[in-house]
Amino acid sequence: MTDEQIELLDTSWERLGPHATEFADAFYGRLFELDPRLEDLFVLTEMESQGQKLVAMLDQLVKATRDPDRFAGLLGDSGRRHAGYGVVPGHYRTVGEAMLWALDQTPAGPLAPAEREVWAESYTRMAALMQKG
């Protein structure tokens, strides 16, 4: 990623910060709307806590974009954990769609076209590294 793309990612994420709960709620709501079967993966999960974990992980990843080794390591670890939860390669497309949609739904959104492009590119990289892990 270029410095300009990283800056777009950073500033859009900072803008989202105060609305993290709304983002997580929108994300999981949309995810389960797109593929109701995914809700089965969360049947024993306390969703407020899960939303906080999602936001914390994305925060770590945004901060790690300037350090490709750390970025890859975080995602490899996450991919291994998610495989253990029952996540399969086909789920990643749905997650990406839900994430981009949720970013647009918070009071901080919608994303500008350049921000949306950098988030889409970042998610593609994230998903590939998670699946590789």
C-alpha atoms as a PDB file:
ATOM      1  CA  MET A   1       0.000   0.000   0.000  1.00  0.00           C
ATOM      2  CA  THR A   2       1.131   3.515  -0.667  1.00  0.00           C
ATOM      3  CA  ASP A   3       1.544   6.094   2.092  1.00  0.00           C
ATOM      4  CA  GLU A   4      -1.510   7.898   0.744  1.00  0.00           C
ATOM      5  CA  GLN A   5      -3.625   4.723   0.899  1.00  0.00           C
ATOM      6  CA  ILE A   6      -2.455   4.016   4.443  1.00  0.00           C
ATOM      7  CA  GLU A   7      -3.366   7.575   5.420  1.00  0.00           C
ATOM      8  CA  LEU A   8      -6.858   7.137   3.938  1.00  0.00           C
ATOM      9  CA  LEU A   9      -7.293   3.922   5.897  1.00  0.00           C
ATOM     10  CA  ASP A  10      -6.065   5.591   9.100  1.00  0.00           C
ATOM     11  CA  THR A  11      -8.238   8.688   8.823  1.00  0.00           C
ATOM     12  CA  SER A  12     -11.382   6.785   7.916  1.00  0.00           C
ATOM     13  CA  TRP A  13     -10.797   4.384  10.821  1.00  0.00           C
ATOM     14  CA  GLU A  14     -10.205   7.277  13.244  1.00  0.00           C
ATOM     15  CA  ARG A  15     -13.452   8.866  12.080  1.00  0.00           C
ATOM     16  CA  LEU A  16     -15.247   5.583  12.775  1.00  0.00           C
ATOM     17  CA  GLY A  17     -13.788   5.271  16.298  1.00  0.00           C
ATOM     18  CA  PRO A  18     -16.616   6.921  18.240  1.00  0.00           C
ATOM     19  CA  HIS A  19     -19.099   4.774  16.310  1.00  0.00           C
ATOM     20  CA  ALA A  20     -17.380   1.413  16.763  1.00  0.00           C
ATOM     21  CA  THR A  21     -20.378  -0.189  18.469  1.00  0.00           C
ATOM     22  CA  GLU A  22     -22.707   0.867  15.665  1.00  0.00           C
ATOM     23  CA  PHE A  23     -20.202  -0.457  13.116  1.00  0.00           C
ATOM     24  CA  ALA A  24     -19.978  -3.868  14.819  1.00  0.00           C
ATOM     25  CA  ASP A  25     -23.761  -4.122  15.164  1.00  0.00           C
ATOM     26  CA  ALA A  26     -24.244  -3.177  11.511  1.00  0.00           C
ATOM     27  CA  PHE A  27     -21.545  -5.613  10.417  1.00  0.00           C
ATOM     28  CA  TYR A  28     -22.970  -8.650  12.196  1.00  0.00           C
ATOM     29  CA  GLY A  29     -26.544  -7.732  11.284  1.00  0.00           C
ATOM     30  CA  ARG A  30     -25.606  -7.515   7.617  1.00  0.00           C
ATOM     31  CA  LEU A  31     -23.443 -10.646   7.776  1.00  0.00           C
ATOM     32  CA  PHE A  32     -26.341 -12.711   9.105  1.00  0.00           C
ATOM     33  CA  GLU A  33     -28.713 -11.123   6.616  1.00  0.00           C
ATOM     34  CA  LEU A  34     -26.412 -12.059   3.717  1.00  0.00           C
ATOM     35  CA  ASP A  35     -25.883 -15.615   4.966  1.00  0.00           C
ATOM     36  CA  PRO A  36     -28.126 -16.668   7.876  1.00  0.00           C
ATOM     37  CA  ARG A  37     -26.170 -19.935   8.215  1.00  0.00           C
ATOM     38  CA  LEU A  38     -23.215 -17.947   9.555  1.00  0.00           C
ATOM     39  CA  GLU A  39     -25.213 -17.143  12.659  1.00  0.00           C
ATOM     40  CA  ASP A  40     -24.703 -20.796  13.667  1.00  0.00           C
ATOM     41  CA  LEU A  41     -20.981 -20.048  14.127  1.00  0.00           C
ATOM     42  CA  PHE A  42     -21.904 -17.546  16.861  1.00  0.00           C
ATOM     43  CA  VAL A  43     -24.595 -19.494  18.709  1.00  0.00           C
ATOM     44  CA  LEU A  44     -22.562 -19.605  21.951  1.00  0.00           C
ATOM     45  CA  THR A  45     -21.061 -16.147  21.503  1.00  0.00           C
ATOM     46  CA  GLU A  46     -21.949 -13.041  23.468  1.00  0.00           C
ATOM     47  CA  MET A  47     -22.293 -10.639  20.545  1.00  0.00           C
ATOM     48  CA  GLU A  48     -21.447  -7.386  22.346  1.00  0.00           C
ATOM     49  CA  SER A  49     -18.101  -8.880  23.340  1.00  0.00           C
ATOM     50  CA  GLN A  50     -17.656 -10.270  19.819  1.00  0.00           C
ATOM     51  CA  GLY A  51     -18.226  -6.814  18.372  1.00  0.00           C
ATOM     52  CA  GLN A  52     -15.563  -5.396  20.668  1.00  0.00           C
ATOM     53  CA  LYS A  53     -13.138  -8.104  19.533  1.00  0.00           C
ATOM     54  CA  LEU A  54     -13.861  -7.305  15.883  1.00  0.00           C
ATOM     55  CA  VAL A  55     -13.177  -3.605  16.412  1.00  0.00           C
ATOM     56  CA  ALA A  56     -10.011  -4.312  18.430  1.00  0.00           C
ATOM     57  CA  MET A  57      -8.683  -6.620  15.701  1.00  0.00           C
ATOM     58  CA  LEU A  58      -9.409  -4.114  12.942  1.00  0.00           C
ATOM     59  CA  ASP A  59      -7.718  -1.425  15.030  1.00  0.00           C
ATOM     60  CA  GLN A  60      -4.590  -3.590  15.333  1.00  0.00           C
ATOM     61  CA  LEU A  61      -4.630  -4.295  11.613  1.00  0.00           C
ATOM     62  CA  VAL A  62      -5.017  -0.656  10.612  1.00  0.00           C
ATOM     63  CA  LYS A  63      -2.092   0.227  12.880  1.00  0.00           C
ATOM     64  CA  ALA A  64      -0.040  -2.645  11.435  1.00  0.00           C
ATOM     65  CA  THR A  65      -0.429  -1.629   7.789  1.00  0.00           C
ATOM     66  CA  ARG A  66       2.931   0.154   7.980  1.00  0.00           C
ATOM     67  CA  ASP A  67       4.585  -3.072   9.185  1.00  0.00           C
ATOM     68  CA  PRO A  68       3.902  -5.818   6.608  1.00  0.00           C
ATOM     69  CA  ASP A  69       5.420  -8.596   8.748  1.00  0.00           C
ATOM     70  CA  ARG A  70       3.262  -7.733  11.752  1.00  0.00           C
ATOM     71  CA  PHE A  71       0.212  -7.341   9.486  1.00  0.00           C
ATOM     72  CA  ALA A  72       0.791 -10.801   7.953  1.00  0.00           C
ATOM     73  CA  GLY A  73       1.467 -12.374  11.353  1.00  0.00           C
ATOM     74  CA  LEU A  74      -1.722 -11.022  12.904  1.00  0.00           C
ATOM     75  CA  LEU A  75      -3.774 -12.257   9.977  1.00  0.00           C
ATOM     76  CA  GLY A  76      -2.141 -15.667   9.826  1.00  0.00           C
ATOM     77  CA  ASP A  77      -2.908 -16.195  13.514  1.00  0.00           C
ATOM     78  CA  SER A  78      -6.449 -14.961  13.021  1.00  0.00           C
ATOM     79  CA  GLY A  79      -6.955 -17.223  10.015  1.00  0.00           C
ATOM     80  CA  ARG A  80      -5.896 -20.290  11.982  1.00  0.00           C
ATOM     81  CA  ARG A  81      -8.288 -19.383  14.808  1.00  0.00           C
ATOM     82  CA  HIS A  82     -11.152 -18.764  12.400  1.00  0.00           C
ATOM     83  CA  ALA A  83     -10.591 -22.065  10.599  1.00  0.00           C
ATOM     84  CA  GLY A  84     -10.981 -23.725  13.991  1.00  0.00           C
ATOM     85  CA  TYR A  85     -14.315 -21.945  14.441  1.00  0.00           C
ATOM     86  CA  GLY A  86     -15.595 -23.399  11.162  1.00  0.00           C
ATOM     87  CA  VAL A  87     -14.866 -20.507   8.801  1.00  0.00           C
ATOM     88  CA  VAL A  88     -14.305 -21.737   5.250  1.00  0.00           C
ATOM     89  CA  PRO A  89     -12.906 -19.856   2.224  1.00  0.00           C
ATOM     90  CA  GLY A  90     -16.372 -19.103   0.852  1.00  0.00           C
ATOM     91  CA  HIS A  91     -17.244 -17.074   3.950  1.00  0.00           C
ATOM     92  CA  TYR A  92     -14.591 -14.439   3.272  1.00  0.00           C
ATOM     93  CA  ARG A  93     -16.456 -12.828   0.379  1.00  0.00           C
ATOM     94  CA  THR A  94     -19.588 -12.438   2.505  1.00  0.00           C
ATOM     95  CA  VAL A  95     -17.573 -10.974   5.387  1.00  0.00           C
ATOM     96  CA  GLY A  96     -15.956  -8.444   3.056  1.00  0.00           C
ATOM     97  CA  GLU A  97     -19.305  -7.395   1.653  1.00  0.00           C
ATOM     98  CA  ALA A  98     -20.747  -6.992   5.156  1.00  0.00           C
ATOM     99  CA  MET A  99     -17.711  -5.022   6.336  1.00  0.00           C
ATOM    100  CA  LEU A 100     -17.812  -2.502   3.487  1.00  0.00           C
ATOM    101  CA  TRP A 101     -21.559  -2.112   3.891  1.00  0.00           C
ATOM    102  CA  ALA A 102     -21.219  -1.551   7.669  1.00  0.00           C
ATOM    103  CA  LEU A 103     -18.479   1.061   7.188  1.00  0.00           C
ATOM    104  CA  ASP A 104     -20.947   3.045   5.086  1.00  0.00           C
ATOM    105  CA  GLN A 105     -23.783   2.730   7.613  1.00  0.00           C
ATOM    106  CA  THR A 106     -22.255   4.332  10.689  1.00  0.00           C
ATOM    107  CA  PRO A 107     -22.728   8.037  11.473  1.00  0.00           C
ATOM    108  CA  ALA A 108     -19.080   8.419  10.332  1.00  0.00           C
ATOM    109  CA  GLY A 109     -19.936   7.087   6.861  1.00  0.00           C
ATOM    110  CA  PRO A 110     -20.443   6.781   4.064  1.00  0.00           C
ATOM    111  CA  LEU A 111     -16.935   6.199   2.855  1.00  0.00           C
ATOM    112  CA  ALA A 112     -15.602   8.441   0.112  1.00  0.00           C
ATOM    113  CA  PRO A 113     -14.904   6.508  -3.105  1.00  0.00           C
ATOM    114  CA  ALA A 114     -11.127   6.508  -2.494  1.00  0.00           C
ATOM    115  CA  GLU A 115     -11.646   5.291   1.088  1.00  0.00           C
ATOM    116  CA  ARG A 116     -13.966   2.531  -0.087  1.00  0.00           C
ATOM    117  CA  GLU A 117     -11.382   1.441  -2.628  1.00  0.00           C
ATOM    118  CA  VAL A 118      -8.596   1.280  -0.045  1.00  0.00           C
ATOM    119  CA  TRP A 119     -10.800  -0.635   2.422  1.00  0.00           C
ATOM    120  CA  ALA A 120     -11.778  -3.101  -0.315  1.00  0.00           C
ATOM    121  CA  GLU A 121      -8.132  -3.580  -1.280  1.00  0.00           C
ATOM    122  CA  SER A 122      -7.108  -3.959   2.359  1.00  0.00           C
ATOM    123  CA  TYR A 123      -9.821  -6.506   3.015  1.00  0.00           C
ATOM    124  CA  THR A 124      -8.764  -8.513  -0.036  1.00  0.00           C
ATOM    125  CA  ARG A 125      -5.225  -8.639   1.396  1.00  0.00           C
ATOM    126  CA  MET A 126      -6.566  -9.508   4.869  1.00  0.00           C
ATOM    127  CA  ALA A 127      -8.707 -12.355   3.569  1.00  0.00           C
ATOM    128  CA  ALA A 128      -5.880 -13.790   1.490  1.00  0.00           C
ATOM    129  CA  LEU A 129      -3.476 -13.738   4.444  1.00  0.00           C
ATOM    130  CA  MET A 130      -6.061 -15.259   6.780  1.00  0.00           C
ATOM    131  CA  GLN A 131      -6.739 -18.108   4.341  1.00  0.00           C
ATOM    132  CA  LYS A 132      -3.029 -18.659   3.863  1.00  0.00           C
ATOM    133  CA  GLY A 133      -2.583 -18.847   7.638  1.00  0.00           C
END
